[in-house]
Amino acid sequence: MRMRTLRHLSYIGTTIFLASTPIFAGCTGSISDGVDDDGETSGGSGGDGTENPLPPPDVCVPGIPATSQIPRMLNRQYDNTVRDLLGVAGVGSNKKRPSELLVNDFDGPMTPDAWRIYQDVAAEIAKEVMAGPNRSKFIDCDPAASGCLEQTIQTFGRKAFRRPLTPEEVARFQKLGQTTPPGTPEEVAEATLMAFLVSPSFLMLPELTATPDPSGKGIQLSSHEVATKLSYLLWGSVPDDILNAAADSNQLQTREQILEQAQRMIAVREKTGSLVTAFHRDWAQMNNGSAHWWKMDHDTETYPLYSADAKPSWQAELDAFFEEVAFAGGSYDDLLLSNVAFVNKDNAAIYGLDPSAYGTELTRVELDANERPGFLTRVGFLSSYSGYNATSPILRGAFISVYMLGVNPGPPIPGAAMITVDGQFATQRAYVEELTKPANCIGCHTIINPPGFVMEGFDGIGKVQTTDPRGGAIDASITTNIVNFGDGVSKEISSPLQLMQQIAQTPKAKQLYAQAWISYAYGRAPNGNDKCLVDQLDTKLSEGGYSVLDLMADLTQAESFRVRVRATP
């Protein structure tokens, strides 16, 4: 029956629309990292292995950006959806996440291979659900009983499609039980579940309502479409019963109605926490394949506390840090200044704590706020942006300049990665200054090097150091620098705390943070229309008491969240 079902899927409209608008999930770069034998970058701008992020446009252009009507569900959303709908977190004998079997997220038309794999995964999920403990999440009656399958199609379909099914759709699903020869009731039920899981109304997040917005600016989304948009933005999954009830009552048409639901949903930390961590990974460039996160190993003779096996826990610490800052009511500033850390046996000694007091689980602690402000002083960043057996002021400084401050030093010179310098140097700063002093390097490195030098009080894996491995003292003469914060602003900075305080006050840094949220949440590149929202969020970020969670709620208040404009061919 399972193979026969695939031949009949055309009855229920499972032909995937072979066109979709690209979904942007962050910026990527391609500049070489230019690391020399000492593990030190010798290039110019992009010394962290990345290009500048796409900046917000300079001018707000009132209006609503054109968007796709049928964006495809992302793989992480697919996992969450089948988990919440059917209780399925893993499939097959090795219980892999369903998305591990799918083709990686991609832009553009559906491909034959991706479509085939969607069908294979759907068949596996349907088989496991019907034979396992989660069967009742799909069907809670006897498939052979009169009316059972019709009721199942309507009730499960409402959840899977995020809207009520039309009578025509119900009738098409019922045709699965009218084949010749007929399948058994169990086979028909399993085929019906599979058919739902490969339907465009499940795999896509369509916005097909054609009702004009009263303002005349575009097309007003239906309450069911708004519910889907809310749920997949904040939870990455299907709406819950409360949100579904609001949609069924058409109570998601005004900003106030949407905000009420958004605030309720954001408060559910176990569902919204994953959005907080996923976004901040994106903002911090951890998803950027050209960046240096987690790629560098270190010499254990130079750094005896280093273990490559600890990298996953260092990443988990940053995830926990971002989530804790947000759900403790923290603001953008707190991302750069909070002294909260999460410690286990893998990083305790690096933070100057007794590792014997910690196990494998991460424990929330508070570090010295003057010494360890924000995520850029955590082990994950400091160890990733270092060389094999030395710190890397260039890697650290380029990351801070480009991604935190939006300062564009310019591209590295040709062959920058091959440049070396001979001599005896008491400190890494002295070495880097000599390396980058040629006339064709110094212009860029006047911007890149200083914030990296400020961070020289942390060694290559993030431990506090007062003596450079080269033998010289690390004191104010090493960490004090004139740092370029962009827009003609340069200030003398002598400590990581001063650096983080100034970044937190820099308007461009806040703009980049707001733009990153908008691009991530809405799935589109920076544009003039969204610049208007960037400006609004930027203003609020500069006000006291405006939290990360407040910003998330405000993402649902943009006019473009309720109204769409068709993209022109």
Protein backbone atom coordinates (compact mmCIF):
# COMPACT_ATOMS: atom_id res chain seq x y z
CA MET A 1 0.00 0.00 0.00
CA ARG A 2 2.87 2.39 0.76
CA MET A 3 4.15 2.36 -2.83
CA ARG A 4 0.64 2.49 -4.20
CA THR A 5 -0.01 5.57 -2.05
CA LEU A 6 2.78 7.52 -3.74
CA ARG A 7 1.07 7.00 -7.11
CA HIS A 8 -2.09 8.57 -5.75
CA LEU A 9 -0.59 11.59 -4.02
CA SER A 10 -1.58 13.76 -6.97
CA TYR A 11 -5.16 13.51 -5.70
CA ILE A 12 -4.27 15.61 -2.69
CA GLY A 13 -2.18 18.27 -4.36
CA THR A 14 1.29 17.19 -3.37
CA THR A 15 2.96 18.77 -6.38
CA ILE A 16 5.51 21.10 -4.83
CA PHE A 17 5.61 24.64 -6.21
CA LEU A 18 9.02 24.69 -7.88
CA ALA A 19 9.81 28.31 -7.12
CA SER A 20 10.46 30.19 -3.94
CA THR A 21 12.13 33.41 -2.92
CA PRO A 22 15.61 32.97 -1.38
CA ILE A 23 15.61 33.03 2.38
CA PHE A 24 18.55 34.96 3.82
CA ALA A 25 19.82 33.70 7.18
CA GLY A 26 22.81 35.92 7.70
CA CYS A 27 25.80 37.22 5.81
CA THR A 28 28.75 35.16 4.61
CA GLY A 29 32.22 36.14 3.55
CA SER A 30 35.09 34.70 1.58
CA ILE A 31 38.26 36.59 2.43
CA SER A 32 41.20 34.33 3.30
CA ASP A 33 42.32 34.28 6.91
CA GLY A 34 46.00 34.69 6.03
CA VAL A 35 47.49 32.80 9.00
CA ASP A 36 51.25 32.52 9.06
CA ASP A 37 53.43 29.90 10.72
CA ASP A 38 53.07 31.57 14.07
CA GLY A 39 49.30 31.31 13.87
CA GLU A 40 49.16 35.09 13.40
CA THR A 41 47.15 36.76 10.68
CA SER A 42 49.23 39.03 8.49
CA GLY A 43 46.56 40.38 6.17
CA GLY A 44 44.43 43.50 6.25
CA SER A 45 40.67 43.83 6.53
CA GLY A 46 38.94 40.55 6.91
CA GLY A 47 41.81 39.11 8.91
CA ASP A 48 39.19 37.05 10.74
CA GLY A 49 38.46 35.25 7.51
CA THR A 50 35.26 37.13 6.75
CA GLU A 51 33.94 40.05 4.78
CA ASN A 52 32.06 42.94 6.24
CA PRO A 53 28.43 42.13 7.05
CA LEU A 54 25.82 43.69 4.84
CA PRO A 55 25.13 47.05 6.50
CA PRO A 56 21.72 48.65 6.84
CA PRO A 57 21.03 51.07 3.97
CA ASP A 58 21.64 54.69 4.90
CA VAL A 59 18.11 55.95 4.28
CA CYS A 60 14.70 54.78 5.48
CA VAL A 61 12.35 54.22 2.53
CA PRO A 62 8.75 54.05 3.76
CA GLY A 63 6.91 51.02 2.43
CA ILE A 64 6.58 47.26 2.73
CA PRO A 65 9.25 44.96 1.28
CA ALA A 66 8.05 42.51 -1.36
CA THR A 67 8.18 38.94 -0.06
CA SER A 68 7.59 35.37 -1.17
CA GLN A 69 4.10 33.98 -0.73
CA ILE A 70 5.38 30.46 -0.23
CA PRO A 71 8.60 30.30 1.80
CA ARG A 72 9.77 26.76 2.49
CA MET A 73 10.03 25.44 6.03
CA LEU A 74 13.66 25.39 7.25
CA ASN A 75 15.11 22.09 8.39
CA ARG A 76 15.26 23.15 12.04
CA GLN A 77 11.61 24.14 11.77
CA TYR A 78 10.81 20.74 10.23
CA ASP A 79 12.37 19.02 13.24
CA ASN A 80 10.41 21.16 15.69
CA THR A 81 7.19 20.71 13.77
CA VAL A 82 7.19 16.91 13.60
CA ARG A 83 8.27 16.83 17.24
CA ASP A 84 5.42 19.06 18.38
CA LEU A 85 2.80 17.53 16.09
CA LEU A 86 3.72 13.88 16.36
CA GLY A 87 6.21 13.48 19.20
CA VAL A 88 8.91 12.38 16.73
CA ALA A 89 12.39 13.59 17.64
CA GLY A 90 14.32 10.87 15.82
CA VAL A 91 13.68 8.35 13.06
CA GLY A 92 15.24 5.10 11.95
CA SER A 93 17.22 2.61 13.96
CA ASN A 94 19.78 5.23 15.00
CA LYS A 95 17.09 7.82 15.83
CA LYS A 96 18.56 10.62 13.78
CA ARG A 97 16.82 13.98 13.74
CA PRO A 98 14.61 14.07 10.64
CA SER A 99 16.55 17.05 9.29
CA GLU A 100 19.74 14.99 9.31
CA LEU A 101 18.18 12.92 6.54
CA LEU A 102 16.94 15.91 4.52
CA VAL A 103 18.93 17.92 2.00
CA ASN A 104 20.53 20.94 3.67
CA ASP A 105 18.53 24.17 3.60
CA PHE A 106 18.81 25.79 0.20
CA ASP A 107 17.36 28.71 -1.73
CA GLY A 108 15.47 28.50 -4.97
CA PRO A 109 13.33 25.80 -6.60
CA MET A 110 12.70 22.39 -5.11
CA THR A 111 15.08 19.81 -6.61
CA PRO A 112 14.16 16.21 -7.52
CA ASP A 113 16.56 14.82 -4.91
CA ALA A 114 15.21 17.04 -2.15
CA TRP A 115 11.63 16.12 -3.04
CA ARG A 116 12.44 12.40 -3.09
CA ILE A 117 14.04 12.63 0.35
CA TYR A 118 11.07 14.55 1.76
CA GLN A 119 8.91 11.61 0.64
CA ASP A 120 11.28 9.01 2.12
CA VAL A 121 11.45 10.82 5.48
CA ALA A 122 7.67 11.30 5.54
CA ALA A 123 7.15 7.58 4.92
CA GLU A 124 9.54 6.71 7.76
CA ILE A 125 7.85 9.13 10.17
CA ALA A 126 4.37 7.86 9.27
CA LYS A 127 5.46 4.27 9.76
CA GLU A 128 6.97 4.98 13.19
CA VAL A 129 4.00 7.03 14.39
CA MET A 130 1.42 4.42 13.41
CA ALA A 131 3.41 1.63 15.07
CA GLY A 132 4.57 3.54 18.13
CA PRO A 133 3.45 5.27 21.32
CA ASN A 134 2.67 8.57 19.55
CA ARG A 135 -0.06 7.13 17.33
CA SER A 136 -2.79 9.03 19.18
CA LYS A 137 -1.16 12.34 18.25
CA PHE A 138 -2.30 11.60 14.72
CA ILE A 139 -5.31 9.29 15.09
CA ASP A 140 -7.14 8.38 18.30
CA CYS A 141 -9.89 6.20 16.87
CA ASP A 142 -10.15 2.90 14.95
CA PRO A 143 -9.39 3.61 11.27
CA ALA A 144 -11.97 0.99 10.33
CA ALA A 145 -14.73 2.79 12.23
CA SER A 146 -17.17 4.92 10.27
CA GLY A 147 -16.14 8.56 10.19
CA CYS A 148 -12.78 7.99 11.95
CA LEU A 149 -10.53 8.89 9.04
CA GLU A 150 -12.63 11.88 8.02
CA GLN A 151 -12.50 13.27 11.55
CA THR A 152 -8.73 12.60 11.71
CA ILE A 153 -8.18 14.41 8.41
CA GLN A 154 -10.02 17.45 9.73
CA THR A 155 -8.51 17.59 13.22
CA PHE A 156 -4.92 16.68 12.35
CA GLY A 157 -5.09 18.67 9.13
CA ARG A 158 -6.03 21.79 11.09
CA LYS A 159 -2.79 21.47 13.04
CA ALA A 160 -0.55 20.37 10.17
CA PHE A 161 -1.76 23.04 7.72
CA ARG A 162 -2.09 25.71 10.45
CA ARG A 163 -5.62 26.43 9.18
CA PRO A 164 -8.91 24.57 8.68
CA LEU A 165 -9.03 22.34 5.62
CA THR A 166 -11.50 23.13 2.86
CA PRO A 167 -14.17 20.52 2.04
CA GLU A 168 -12.34 19.89 -1.23
CA GLU A 169 -9.09 19.12 0.59
CA VAL A 170 -10.86 16.73 2.97
CA ALA A 171 -12.41 14.96 -0.02
CA ARG A 172 -9.03 14.60 -1.75
CA PHE A 173 -7.46 13.05 1.35
CA GLN A 174 -10.39 10.64 1.62
CA LYS A 175 -9.66 9.34 -1.88
CA LEU A 176 -6.65 7.54 -0.43
CA GLY A 177 -9.14 5.01 0.94
CA GLN A 178 -10.79 4.53 -2.44
CA THR A 179 -8.00 2.84 -4.37
CA THR A 180 -8.32 -0.38 -6.33
CA PRO A 181 -7.46 -2.76 -4.80
CA PRO A 182 -8.26 -1.04 -1.51
CA GLY A 183 -5.72 -0.82 1.28
CA THR A 184 -6.45 -1.93 4.81
CA PRO A 185 -7.70 0.76 7.19
CA GLU A 186 -4.27 0.78 8.85
CA GLU A 187 -2.52 1.24 5.51
CA VAL A 188 -4.88 4.02 4.52
CA ALA A 189 -4.29 5.81 7.83
CA GLU A 190 -0.52 5.55 7.42
CA ALA A 191 -0.72 6.75 3.82
CA THR A 192 -2.89 9.67 4.94
CA LEU A 193 -0.30 10.78 7.47
CA MET A 194 2.45 10.51 4.90
CA ALA A 195 0.36 12.54 2.46
CA PHE A 196 0.02 15.33 5.01
CA LEU A 197 3.79 15.37 5.56
CA VAL A 198 4.55 15.85 1.85
CA SER A 199 1.81 18.33 1.09
CA PRO A 200 2.84 21.86 0.02
CA SER A 201 0.53 23.25 2.71
CA PHE A 202 2.71 21.47 5.28
CA LEU A 203 6.20 21.94 3.82
CA MET A 204 5.57 25.56 2.86
CA LEU A 205 4.42 28.45 5.03
CA PRO A 206 2.09 29.97 2.44
CA GLU A 207 0.59 33.46 2.50
CA LEU A 208 -2.07 33.24 -0.18
CA THR A 209 -4.90 35.40 1.15
CA ALA A 210 -5.87 38.08 -1.38
CA THR A 211 -7.80 40.48 0.86
CA PRO A 212 -6.55 44.08 0.34
CA ASP A 213 -5.27 45.88 3.41
CA PRO A 214 -7.66 48.71 4.42
CA SER A 215 -4.81 51.20 4.06
CA GLY A 216 -4.34 50.19 0.45
CA LYS A 217 -0.63 49.43 1.00
CA GLY A 218 -0.82 45.73 0.22
CA ILE A 219 -2.60 42.51 1.11
CA GLN A 220 -3.76 41.86 4.68
CA LEU A 221 -2.61 38.49 6.00
CA SER A 222 -5.34 36.29 7.43
CA SER A 223 -5.33 35.55 11.14
CA HIS A 224 -4.24 31.97 10.34
CA GLU A 225 -1.31 33.27 8.30
CA VAL A 226 -0.34 35.67 11.08
CA ALA A 227 -0.53 32.83 13.62
CA THR A 228 1.80 30.75 11.47
CA LYS A 229 4.18 33.68 11.03
CA LEU A 230 4.23 34.32 14.78
CA SER A 231 4.77 30.72 15.70
CA TYR A 232 7.51 30.01 13.18
CA LEU A 233 9.28 33.25 14.08
CA LEU A 234 9.23 32.80 17.85
CA TRP A 235 9.04 29.03 18.30
CA GLY A 236 10.17 27.65 14.95
CA SER A 237 7.16 25.36 15.01
CA VAL A 238 3.38 25.07 14.75
CA PRO A 239 1.00 27.31 16.72
CA ASP A 240 -0.27 26.05 20.06
CA ASP A 241 -3.93 25.69 20.98
CA ILE A 242 -4.18 29.24 22.34
CA LEU A 243 -2.76 30.77 19.18
CA ASN A 244 -4.93 28.53 17.01
CA ALA A 245 -8.01 29.65 18.94
CA ALA A 246 -7.08 33.29 18.39
CA ALA A 247 -6.65 32.63 14.67
CA ASP A 248 -9.97 30.78 14.43
CA SER A 249 -11.65 33.77 16.10
CA ASN A 250 -9.93 36.19 13.68
CA GLN A 251 -8.21 37.86 16.63
CA LEU A 252 -4.82 38.45 14.97
CA GLN A 253 -5.56 41.43 12.75
CA THR A 254 -4.27 44.37 14.82
CA ARG A 255 -0.89 45.24 16.28
CA GLU A 256 -2.36 45.00 19.78
CA GLN A 257 -3.77 41.52 19.21
CA ILE A 258 -0.50 40.31 17.74
CA LEU A 259 1.57 41.86 20.54
CA GLU A 260 -0.54 40.16 23.21
CA GLN A 261 0.15 36.75 21.70
CA ALA A 262 3.83 37.54 20.98
CA GLN A 263 4.51 38.53 24.58
CA ARG A 264 2.78 35.40 25.85
CA MET A 265 4.80 33.20 23.52
CA ILE A 266 8.14 34.90 24.19
CA ALA A 267 7.70 34.22 27.90
CA VAL A 268 7.72 30.45 27.23
CA ARG A 269 11.48 30.09 27.60
CA GLU A 270 11.64 26.40 26.74
CA LYS A 271 10.23 27.24 23.30
CA THR A 272 11.68 30.68 22.62
CA GLY A 273 15.14 30.03 24.08
CA SER A 274 16.24 28.21 20.95
CA LEU A 275 15.45 31.32 18.86
CA VAL A 276 17.54 33.47 21.19
CA THR A 277 20.55 31.17 20.93
CA ALA A 278 20.15 30.56 17.18
CA PHE A 279 19.96 34.27 16.42
CA HIS A 280 22.96 35.17 18.56
CA ARG A 281 25.02 32.44 16.94
CA ASP A 282 24.15 34.07 13.64
CA TRP A 283 24.86 37.60 14.89
CA ALA A 284 28.23 36.50 16.30
CA GLN A 285 29.07 34.82 12.96
CA MET A 286 29.24 31.29 14.38
CA ASN A 287 27.20 30.17 11.35
CA ASN A 288 29.60 31.87 8.95
CA GLY A 289 31.70 29.16 7.37
CA SER A 290 34.48 31.67 6.64
CA ALA A 291 34.78 32.78 10.26
CA HIS A 292 37.22 31.29 12.76
CA TRP A 293 34.81 29.95 15.34
CA TRP A 294 35.83 26.51 16.66
CA LYS A 295 38.39 25.93 13.88
CA MET A 296 41.63 26.61 15.73
CA ASP A 297 43.44 23.98 17.79
CA HIS A 298 46.16 24.95 20.22
CA ASP A 299 49.57 23.73 21.33
CA THR A 300 49.10 21.87 24.60
CA GLU A 301 52.67 22.63 25.64
CA THR A 302 51.95 26.35 25.44
CA TYR A 303 48.41 25.90 26.77
CA PRO A 304 48.24 22.80 29.01
CA LEU A 305 44.61 23.57 29.91
CA TYR A 306 43.54 23.21 26.28
CA SER A 307 41.57 20.22 25.05
CA ALA A 308 39.96 20.00 21.62
CA ASP A 309 37.25 17.84 23.18
CA ALA A 310 36.09 20.84 25.22
CA LYS A 311 34.97 22.90 22.20
CA PRO A 312 31.32 21.73 22.29
CA SER A 313 31.02 22.78 25.94
CA TRP A 314 32.57 26.18 25.14
CA GLN A 315 29.93 26.66 22.47
CA ALA A 316 27.23 25.48 24.87
CA GLU A 317 28.44 28.10 27.35
CA LEU A 318 27.90 30.89 24.85
CA ASP A 319 24.44 29.56 23.99
CA ALA A 320 23.59 29.51 27.69
CA PHE A 321 25.04 33.00 28.15
CA PHE A 322 22.93 34.55 25.40
CA GLU A 323 19.77 32.85 26.62
CA GLU A 324 20.39 33.85 30.23
CA VAL A 325 21.01 37.49 29.35
CA ALA A 326 17.77 37.63 27.36
CA PHE A 327 15.51 35.86 29.83
CA ALA A 328 16.94 37.70 32.81
CA GLY A 329 15.62 40.88 31.21
CA GLY A 330 18.99 41.88 29.81
CA SER A 331 19.57 44.41 27.05
CA TYR A 332 21.94 44.70 24.12
CA ASP A 333 24.44 46.32 26.49
CA ASP A 334 24.38 43.25 28.73
CA LEU A 335 25.53 41.04 25.88
CA LEU A 336 28.76 43.05 26.01
CA LEU A 337 28.95 43.72 29.74
CA SER A 338 27.31 40.89 31.70
CA ASN A 339 29.66 38.97 34.00
CA VAL A 340 27.48 35.83 33.93
CA ALA A 341 29.32 32.71 32.82
CA PHE A 342 28.55 29.01 32.66
CA VAL A 343 31.28 26.83 34.03
CA ASN A 344 32.11 23.13 34.03
CA LYS A 345 35.26 21.08 34.39
CA ASP A 346 36.35 22.03 30.86
CA ASN A 347 36.59 25.78 31.37
CA ALA A 348 36.75 26.31 35.15
CA ALA A 349 40.55 26.47 35.35
CA ILE A 350 40.70 28.84 32.37
CA TYR A 351 38.41 31.17 34.32
CA GLY A 352 40.63 30.82 37.40
CA LEU A 353 38.19 28.52 39.22
CA ASP A 354 38.77 25.11 40.79
CA PRO A 355 37.83 22.47 38.18
CA SER A 356 37.34 19.82 40.87
CA ALA A 357 34.29 21.77 42.05
CA TYR A 358 32.49 21.25 38.72
CA GLY A 359 31.28 18.31 36.68
CA THR A 360 30.28 18.05 33.03
CA GLU A 361 27.10 20.13 33.43
CA LEU A 362 27.37 23.88 33.01
CA THR A 363 26.83 25.84 36.21
CA ARG A 364 25.87 29.51 36.27
CA VAL A 365 28.46 31.69 38.02
CA GLU A 366 29.34 35.37 38.13
CA LEU A 367 32.89 36.32 37.23
CA ASP A 368 34.78 39.52 37.98
CA ALA A 369 32.75 42.14 36.09
CA ASN A 370 35.81 44.33 35.52
CA GLU A 371 37.82 41.45 34.10
CA ARG A 372 35.22 39.43 32.18
CA PRO A 373 32.56 41.70 30.64
CA GLY A 374 30.37 40.11 28.00
CA PHE A 375 30.62 37.30 25.47
CA LEU A 376 33.84 38.57 23.88
CA THR A 377 35.74 37.71 27.08
CA ARG A 378 34.46 34.14 27.18
CA VAL A 379 36.64 31.16 26.33
CA GLY A 380 34.72 30.35 23.15
CA PHE A 381 35.57 33.63 21.42
CA LEU A 382 39.08 34.11 22.78
CA SER A 383 40.24 30.59 21.89
CA SER A 384 38.62 30.64 18.45
CA TYR A 385 40.23 33.95 17.56
CA SER A 386 43.81 33.01 18.40
CA GLY A 387 46.68 31.21 16.77
CA TYR A 388 48.05 27.73 17.46
CA ASN A 389 50.56 28.82 20.06
CA ALA A 390 49.96 32.56 20.38
CA THR A 391 47.23 35.11 20.70
CA SER A 392 46.01 36.82 17.56
CA PRO A 393 45.39 40.54 18.00
CA ILE A 394 44.58 40.70 14.30
CA LEU A 395 41.91 38.01 14.39
CA ARG A 396 40.33 39.46 17.51
CA GLY A 397 40.66 43.05 16.35
CA ALA A 398 39.26 42.35 12.88
CA PHE A 399 36.23 40.59 14.34
CA ILE A 400 35.50 43.45 16.72
CA SER A 401 36.06 46.13 14.07
CA VAL A 402 34.05 44.49 11.32
CA TYR A 403 31.22 42.71 13.11
CA MET A 404 30.75 44.66 16.31
CA LEU A 405 31.52 48.17 15.03
CA GLY A 406 30.84 47.93 11.31
CA VAL A 407 34.16 49.59 10.47
CA ASN A 408 35.50 48.62 7.05
CA PRO A 409 39.31 48.60 7.01
CA GLY A 410 39.48 47.47 3.37
CA PRO A 411 40.64 44.19 1.79
CA PRO A 412 43.98 42.50 2.57
CA ILE A 413 46.81 43.07 0.14
CA PRO A 414 47.66 40.25 -2.33
CA GLY A 415 49.88 37.64 -0.71
CA ALA A 416 49.25 38.94 2.78
CA ALA A 417 49.14 35.42 4.17
CA MET A 418 52.75 34.82 3.13
CA ILE A 419 54.25 37.84 4.91
CA THR A 420 56.59 37.06 7.80
CA VAL A 421 58.98 39.09 9.91
CA ASP A 422 62.21 38.08 11.64
CA GLY A 423 63.58 39.36 14.93
CA GLN A 424 63.32 39.04 18.68
CA PHE A 425 60.09 40.35 20.16
CA ALA A 426 59.23 40.52 23.84
CA THR A 427 55.48 40.62 23.22
CA GLN A 428 52.97 39.57 20.60
CA ARG A 429 52.06 43.23 20.21
CA ALA A 430 55.62 44.09 19.23
CA TYR A 431 55.64 41.25 16.71
CA VAL A 432 52.33 42.28 15.14
CA GLU A 433 53.34 45.94 14.98
CA GLU A 434 56.48 45.02 13.09
CA LEU A 435 54.56 42.63 10.85
CA THR A 436 51.98 45.21 9.86
CA LYS A 437 54.04 48.41 9.66
CA PRO A 438 54.73 48.39 5.87
CA ALA A 439 52.99 51.27 4.15
CA ASN A 440 50.62 49.00 2.24
CA CYS A 441 49.50 47.33 5.50
CA ILE A 442 49.50 49.99 8.17
CA GLY A 443 46.43 51.85 6.88
CA CYS A 444 44.14 48.89 7.50
CA HIS A 445 45.92 47.69 10.59
CA THR A 446 45.67 51.06 12.28
CA ILE A 447 41.98 50.09 12.52
CA ILE A 448 42.32 46.34 13.07
CA ASN A 449 45.18 46.02 15.56
CA PRO A 450 44.15 48.32 18.46
CA PRO A 451 41.02 46.47 19.68
CA GLY A 452 42.98 43.24 19.41
CA PHE A 453 45.80 44.68 21.52
CA VAL A 454 43.26 45.68 24.19
CA MET A 455 42.41 41.97 24.51
CA GLU A 456 46.04 40.87 25.03
CA GLY A 457 45.37 40.32 28.72
CA PHE A 458 43.82 37.00 27.65
CA ASP A 459 46.06 34.25 26.31
CA GLY A 460 45.41 32.04 23.29
CA ILE A 461 42.72 29.98 25.01
CA GLY A 462 41.20 32.82 27.04
CA LYS A 463 43.04 32.57 30.36
CA VAL A 464 44.12 35.81 32.01
CA GLN A 465 47.81 36.44 31.40
CA THR A 466 50.16 39.06 32.82
CA THR A 467 53.29 37.80 31.07
CA ASP A 468 53.48 37.22 27.33
CA PRO A 469 54.76 33.74 26.32
CA ARG A 470 57.51 35.65 24.47
CA GLY A 471 58.71 36.87 27.89
CA GLY A 472 57.54 40.47 28.11
CA ALA A 473 55.11 41.92 30.63
CA ILE A 474 51.52 42.55 29.59
CA ASP A 475 50.67 45.86 31.19
CA ALA A 476 48.98 49.13 30.28
CA SER A 477 51.64 49.82 27.67
CA ILE A 478 50.39 46.76 25.79
CA THR A 479 46.63 47.08 26.27
CA THR A 480 46.26 50.85 25.87
CA ASN A 481 45.41 51.91 22.32
CA ILE A 482 43.54 54.47 20.26
CA VAL A 483 40.55 52.50 18.94
CA ASN A 484 38.58 53.58 15.88
CA PHE A 485 34.84 53.25 16.60
CA GLY A 486 33.75 54.54 13.20
CA ASP A 487 32.01 57.72 12.10
CA GLY A 488 35.09 59.75 13.01
CA VAL A 489 35.11 58.61 16.65
CA SER A 490 38.41 57.38 18.11
CA LYS A 491 39.10 56.95 21.80
CA GLU A 492 41.94 55.81 24.02
CA ILE A 493 41.01 52.43 25.50
CA SER A 494 43.09 50.55 28.04
CA SER A 495 40.97 47.56 29.14
CA PRO A 496 38.39 45.10 27.81
CA LEU A 497 35.80 46.67 30.11
CA GLN A 498 36.36 50.12 28.59
CA LEU A 499 36.25 48.59 25.11
CA MET A 500 32.95 46.80 25.74
CA GLN A 501 31.41 49.87 27.36
CA GLN A 502 32.29 51.95 24.32
CA ILE A 503 31.00 49.34 21.85
CA ALA A 504 27.73 49.27 23.80
CA GLN A 505 27.45 53.04 23.34
CA THR A 506 28.35 53.07 19.64
CA PRO A 507 25.32 53.87 17.45
CA LYS A 508 26.53 51.80 14.48
CA ALA A 509 26.93 48.74 16.71
CA LYS A 510 23.31 49.01 17.83
CA GLN A 511 22.16 49.49 14.23
CA LEU A 512 23.99 46.34 13.16
CA TYR A 513 22.38 44.40 16.01
CA ALA A 514 18.89 45.64 15.07
CA GLN A 515 19.49 44.91 11.38
CA ALA A 516 20.76 41.42 12.21
CA TRP A 517 17.53 40.66 14.11
CA ILE A 518 15.36 41.93 11.25
CA SER A 519 17.26 39.96 8.60
CA TYR A 520 17.21 36.80 10.70
CA ALA A 521 13.57 37.04 11.75
CA TYR A 522 12.15 38.07 8.39
CA GLY A 523 14.50 36.05 6.20
CA ARG A 524 15.58 38.87 3.93
CA ALA A 525 18.62 41.01 3.19
CA PRO A 526 18.91 44.62 4.41
CA ASN A 527 16.73 46.99 2.42
CA GLY A 528 15.46 50.55 2.56
CA ASN A 529 11.99 49.58 3.77
CA ASP A 530 13.35 47.61 6.72
CA LYS A 531 15.77 50.47 7.49
CA CYS A 532 12.75 52.33 8.88
CA LEU A 533 12.29 49.54 11.43
CA VAL A 534 16.04 49.46 12.09
CA ASP A 535 15.84 53.14 13.01
CA GLN A 536 12.92 52.53 15.38
CA LEU A 537 14.66 49.64 17.13
CA ASP A 538 17.94 51.54 17.23
CA THR A 539 16.24 54.38 19.07
CA LYS A 540 14.77 51.98 21.61
CA LEU A 541 18.09 50.17 22.08
CA SER A 542 19.54 53.49 23.20
CA GLU A 543 16.86 53.89 25.85
CA GLY A 544 17.22 52.42 29.32
CA GLY A 545 15.25 49.31 30.16
CA TYR A 546 14.72 48.09 26.59
CA SER A 547 15.43 44.36 26.73
CA VAL A 548 16.29 41.77 24.11
CA LEU A 549 12.83 40.25 24.68
CA ASP A 550 11.23 43.67 24.11
CA LEU A 551 13.01 43.88 20.78
CA MET A 552 11.76 40.41 19.83
CA ALA A 553 8.18 41.45 20.56
CA ASP A 554 8.61 44.62 18.50
CA LEU A 555 9.62 42.55 15.48
CA THR A 556 5.97 41.49 15.30
CA GLN A 557 4.73 45.09 15.28
CA ALA A 558 6.07 46.12 11.90
CA GLU A 559 3.45 46.76 9.23
CA SER A 560 5.20 44.19 7.06
CA PHE A 561 4.34 41.54 9.65
CA ARG A 562 0.61 41.91 8.91
CA VAL A 563 0.63 43.13 5.32
CA ARG A 564 2.44 41.73 2.31
CA VAL A 565 3.34 43.10 -1.07
CA ARG A 566 3.72 40.79 -4.04
CA ALA A 567 7.21 40.47 -5.46
CA THR A 568 7.44 41.58 -9.07
CA PRO A 569 8.62 38.90 -11.56
